[in-house]
N, C-alpha and C. Protein backbone atom coordinates (compact mmCIF):
# COMPACT_ATOMS: atom_id res chain seq x y z
N MET A 1 26.35 -19.53 -30.70
CA MET A 1 25.89 -18.85 -31.88
C MET A 1 27.12 -18.44 -32.68
N THR A 2 27.13 -18.81 -33.92
CA THR A 2 28.25 -18.45 -34.78
C THR A 2 27.78 -17.45 -35.82
N GLU A 3 28.57 -16.41 -36.02
CA GLU A 3 28.21 -15.38 -36.99
C GLU A 3 28.84 -15.71 -38.33
N GLU A 4 28.10 -15.41 -39.35
CA GLU A 4 28.62 -15.61 -40.69
C GLU A 4 29.02 -14.27 -41.29
N THR A 5 29.63 -14.28 -42.41
CA THR A 5 30.16 -13.06 -43.01
C THR A 5 29.06 -12.15 -43.58
N ASN A 6 27.92 -12.69 -43.91
CA ASN A 6 26.87 -11.87 -44.50
C ASN A 6 26.00 -11.17 -43.44
N GLY A 7 26.34 -11.25 -42.19
CA GLY A 7 25.63 -10.57 -41.11
C GLY A 7 24.52 -11.40 -40.47
N SER A 8 24.26 -12.56 -40.96
CA SER A 8 23.24 -13.40 -40.35
C SER A 8 23.87 -14.26 -39.26
N ALA A 9 23.06 -14.90 -38.48
CA ALA A 9 23.57 -15.72 -37.39
C ALA A 9 23.00 -17.12 -37.52
N ARG A 10 23.76 -18.07 -37.06
CA ARG A 10 23.31 -19.46 -37.08
C ARG A 10 23.21 -19.91 -35.62
N ILE A 11 22.05 -20.39 -35.28
CA ILE A 11 21.81 -20.88 -33.92
C ILE A 11 21.57 -22.37 -34.00
N SER A 12 22.34 -23.09 -33.22
CA SER A 12 22.21 -24.55 -33.27
C SER A 12 21.08 -25.00 -32.35
N VAL A 13 20.63 -26.21 -32.58
CA VAL A 13 19.59 -26.82 -31.75
C VAL A 13 20.08 -26.93 -30.30
N LYS A 14 21.36 -27.20 -30.13
CA LYS A 14 21.92 -27.31 -28.79
C LYS A 14 21.79 -25.99 -28.04
N GLU A 15 22.08 -24.88 -28.71
CA GLU A 15 21.96 -23.56 -28.07
C GLU A 15 20.51 -23.25 -27.70
N VAL A 16 19.59 -23.61 -28.57
CA VAL A 16 18.17 -23.42 -28.27
C VAL A 16 17.78 -24.27 -27.06
N TYR A 17 18.25 -25.51 -27.04
CA TYR A 17 17.94 -26.40 -25.93
C TYR A 17 18.48 -25.84 -24.61
N LEU A 18 19.70 -25.33 -24.62
CA LEU A 18 20.29 -24.76 -23.40
C LEU A 18 19.48 -23.55 -22.91
N GLN A 19 19.06 -22.72 -23.84
CA GLN A 19 18.25 -21.55 -23.45
C GLN A 19 16.90 -21.99 -22.87
N VAL A 20 16.29 -22.99 -23.48
CA VAL A 20 15.02 -23.52 -22.96
C VAL A 20 15.22 -24.08 -21.56
N GLN A 21 16.31 -24.75 -21.33
CA GLN A 21 16.60 -25.30 -20.00
C GLN A 21 16.78 -24.18 -18.98
N GLN A 22 17.46 -23.10 -19.36
CA GLN A 22 17.64 -21.97 -18.46
C GLN A 22 16.30 -21.32 -18.13
N ILE A 23 15.48 -21.17 -19.14
CA ILE A 23 14.15 -20.58 -18.92
C ILE A 23 13.32 -21.46 -18.02
N GLN A 24 13.38 -22.77 -18.24
CA GLN A 24 12.64 -23.70 -17.40
C GLN A 24 13.11 -23.61 -15.95
N SER A 25 14.41 -23.51 -15.75
CA SER A 25 14.96 -23.38 -14.40
C SER A 25 14.47 -22.09 -13.73
N MET A 26 14.47 -21.00 -14.48
CA MET A 26 13.99 -19.74 -13.92
C MET A 26 12.52 -19.81 -13.58
N LEU A 27 11.72 -20.45 -14.44
CA LEU A 27 10.28 -20.59 -14.18
C LEU A 27 10.02 -21.44 -12.94
N GLU A 28 10.83 -22.48 -12.75
CA GLU A 28 10.67 -23.32 -11.56
C GLU A 28 10.97 -22.52 -10.29
N LYS A 29 11.99 -21.67 -10.34
CA LYS A 29 12.31 -20.83 -9.19
C LYS A 29 11.17 -19.86 -8.90
N ILE A 30 10.63 -19.27 -9.94
CA ILE A 30 9.51 -18.33 -9.76
C ILE A 30 8.30 -19.06 -9.19
N ALA A 31 8.01 -20.23 -9.74
CA ALA A 31 6.86 -21.01 -9.28
C ALA A 31 7.02 -21.42 -7.82
N SER A 32 8.23 -21.74 -7.41
CA SER A 32 8.43 -22.14 -6.01
C SER A 32 8.34 -20.95 -5.07
N ALA A 33 8.61 -19.74 -5.59
CA ALA A 33 8.55 -18.53 -4.74
C ALA A 33 7.13 -17.99 -4.63
N LEU A 34 6.24 -18.35 -5.54
CA LEU A 34 4.89 -17.78 -5.54
C LEU A 34 4.09 -18.05 -4.27
N PRO A 35 4.07 -19.27 -3.72
CA PRO A 35 3.29 -19.47 -2.50
C PRO A 35 3.77 -18.57 -1.34
N GLY A 36 5.07 -18.42 -1.21
CA GLY A 36 5.60 -17.54 -0.17
C GLY A 36 5.20 -16.09 -0.40
N MET A 37 5.23 -15.67 -1.67
CA MET A 37 4.82 -14.31 -1.99
C MET A 37 3.34 -14.10 -1.69
N LYS A 38 2.54 -15.12 -1.95
CA LYS A 38 1.10 -15.02 -1.67
C LYS A 38 0.89 -14.81 -0.18
N ASP A 39 1.59 -15.57 0.64
CA ASP A 39 1.46 -15.43 2.09
C ASP A 39 1.91 -14.04 2.53
N GLN A 40 3.00 -13.56 1.97
CA GLN A 40 3.49 -12.22 2.33
C GLN A 40 2.48 -11.15 1.93
N LEU A 41 1.90 -11.29 0.74
CA LEU A 41 0.91 -10.31 0.30
C LEU A 41 -0.35 -10.36 1.15
N THR A 42 -0.75 -11.56 1.56
CA THR A 42 -1.92 -11.69 2.43
C THR A 42 -1.66 -11.01 3.76
N ASP A 43 -0.48 -11.24 4.33
CA ASP A 43 -0.13 -10.60 5.60
C ASP A 43 -0.07 -9.08 5.44
N LEU A 44 0.49 -8.63 4.34
CA LEU A 44 0.58 -7.19 4.09
C LEU A 44 -0.80 -6.58 3.94
N GLU A 45 -1.69 -7.28 3.27
CA GLU A 45 -3.05 -6.78 3.10
C GLU A 45 -3.75 -6.67 4.46
N LYS A 46 -3.55 -7.65 5.33
CA LYS A 46 -4.14 -7.60 6.67
C LYS A 46 -3.60 -6.40 7.45
N ASP A 47 -2.29 -6.17 7.35
CA ASP A 47 -1.68 -5.04 8.04
C ASP A 47 -2.24 -3.72 7.53
N VAL A 48 -2.38 -3.62 6.22
CA VAL A 48 -2.90 -2.38 5.63
C VAL A 48 -4.33 -2.15 6.07
N ARG A 49 -5.14 -3.18 6.07
CA ARG A 49 -6.54 -3.04 6.51
C ARG A 49 -6.60 -2.62 7.98
N GLU A 50 -5.75 -3.22 8.79
CA GLU A 50 -5.72 -2.87 10.21
C GLU A 50 -5.30 -1.41 10.40
N GLN A 51 -4.29 -0.97 9.67
CA GLN A 51 -3.85 0.42 9.76
C GLN A 51 -4.94 1.37 9.28
N LEU A 52 -5.64 0.99 8.24
CA LEU A 52 -6.73 1.81 7.72
C LEU A 52 -7.84 1.96 8.77
N ARG A 53 -8.21 0.85 9.40
CA ARG A 53 -9.22 0.91 10.46
C ARG A 53 -8.75 1.80 11.61
N ASP A 54 -7.46 1.69 11.97
CA ASP A 54 -6.91 2.50 13.04
C ASP A 54 -6.96 3.98 12.67
N HIS A 55 -6.60 4.31 11.46
CA HIS A 55 -6.63 5.71 11.03
C HIS A 55 -8.06 6.24 10.99
N GLU A 56 -8.99 5.40 10.53
CA GLU A 56 -10.39 5.83 10.51
C GLU A 56 -10.87 6.12 11.93
N ASN A 57 -10.54 5.24 12.87
CA ASN A 57 -10.95 5.46 14.26
C ASN A 57 -10.34 6.74 14.82
N ARG A 58 -9.08 6.98 14.52
CA ARG A 58 -8.42 8.20 15.00
C ARG A 58 -9.08 9.44 14.41
N LEU A 59 -9.37 9.40 13.12
CA LEU A 59 -10.02 10.55 12.49
C LEU A 59 -11.41 10.79 13.08
N ARG A 60 -12.15 9.75 13.37
CA ARG A 60 -13.47 9.91 13.99
C ARG A 60 -13.35 10.57 15.37
N LYS A 61 -12.34 10.16 16.13
CA LYS A 61 -12.14 10.76 17.45
C LYS A 61 -11.77 12.23 17.33
N VAL A 62 -10.90 12.56 16.36
CA VAL A 62 -10.52 13.96 16.16
C VAL A 62 -11.75 14.77 15.76
N GLU A 63 -12.55 14.26 14.83
CA GLU A 63 -13.76 14.97 14.42
C GLU A 63 -14.71 15.17 15.60
N MET A 64 -14.84 14.15 16.43
CA MET A 64 -15.71 14.26 17.60
C MET A 64 -15.21 15.38 18.53
N ARG A 65 -13.90 15.45 18.75
CA ARG A 65 -13.33 16.49 19.61
C ARG A 65 -13.53 17.88 18.99
N VAL A 66 -13.38 17.98 17.68
CA VAL A 66 -13.58 19.27 17.02
C VAL A 66 -15.02 19.75 17.23
N TRP A 67 -15.97 18.86 17.04
CA TRP A 67 -17.36 19.24 17.24
C TRP A 67 -17.65 19.58 18.70
N GLN A 68 -17.03 18.88 19.61
CA GLN A 68 -17.20 19.21 21.02
C GLN A 68 -16.65 20.59 21.31
N MET A 69 -15.48 20.89 20.76
CA MET A 69 -14.89 22.21 20.98
C MET A 69 -15.76 23.31 20.34
N MET A 70 -16.32 23.02 19.18
CA MET A 70 -17.21 23.99 18.54
C MET A 70 -18.44 24.24 19.40
N ALA A 71 -18.95 23.21 20.04
CA ALA A 71 -20.11 23.37 20.93
C ALA A 71 -19.74 24.24 22.12
N VAL A 72 -18.58 24.01 22.70
CA VAL A 72 -18.13 24.81 23.84
C VAL A 72 -17.96 26.27 23.42
N VAL A 73 -17.31 26.50 22.30
CA VAL A 73 -17.10 27.86 21.82
C VAL A 73 -18.44 28.53 21.53
N SER A 74 -19.38 27.82 20.94
CA SER A 74 -20.71 28.38 20.66
C SER A 74 -21.42 28.74 21.96
N PHE A 75 -21.32 27.87 22.95
CA PHE A 75 -21.96 28.14 24.23
C PHE A 75 -21.35 29.38 24.88
N VAL A 76 -20.03 29.48 24.88
CA VAL A 76 -19.36 30.64 25.46
C VAL A 76 -19.74 31.91 24.70
N ALA A 77 -19.81 31.82 23.39
CA ALA A 77 -20.20 32.99 22.59
C ALA A 77 -21.64 33.39 22.87
N ALA A 78 -22.49 32.43 23.16
CA ALA A 78 -23.90 32.73 23.42
C ALA A 78 -24.08 33.37 24.79
N ILE A 79 -23.31 32.96 25.79
CA ILE A 79 -23.52 33.52 27.14
C ILE A 79 -22.60 34.71 27.43
N ALA A 80 -21.64 34.98 26.55
CA ALA A 80 -20.72 36.10 26.79
C ALA A 80 -21.45 37.43 26.93
N PRO A 81 -22.44 37.74 26.08
CA PRO A 81 -23.16 39.02 26.28
C PRO A 81 -23.89 39.09 27.62
N LEU A 82 -24.41 37.96 28.06
CA LEU A 82 -25.11 37.95 29.35
C LEU A 82 -24.15 38.21 30.48
N ILE A 83 -22.96 37.63 30.40
CA ILE A 83 -21.96 37.80 31.45
C ILE A 83 -21.45 39.24 31.45
N THR A 84 -21.26 39.81 30.29
CA THR A 84 -20.75 41.19 30.23
C THR A 84 -21.79 42.19 30.76
N ARG A 85 -23.07 41.92 30.65
CA ARG A 85 -24.12 42.79 31.21
C ARG A 85 -24.12 42.75 32.73
N LEU A 86 -23.75 41.59 33.28
CA LEU A 86 -23.77 41.44 34.73
C LEU A 86 -22.58 42.10 35.39
N LEU A 87 -21.52 42.30 34.66
CA LEU A 87 -20.34 42.93 35.24
C LEU A 87 -20.55 44.44 35.33
N PRO A 88 -20.13 45.06 36.47
CA PRO A 88 -20.33 46.51 36.62
C PRO A 88 -19.40 47.34 35.77
């Protein structure tokens, strides 16, 4: 690109051609990387789904234990007055 004195620029056909060739080369690199990226994203999605299922199962187990503990505490609270009456 050659600059002229009035502040405008002149771009030759050769320079445009070279830029188009560079862009084409970059697009070819991107296109060749896409299948690998697709596989990586598919694997990542499977991992995320598996982790989500694992977390859901863990949360269900924790909730189940909480409710079991609440049942035990409720039972103890219900029989505590009976036990205190039996003690001398």
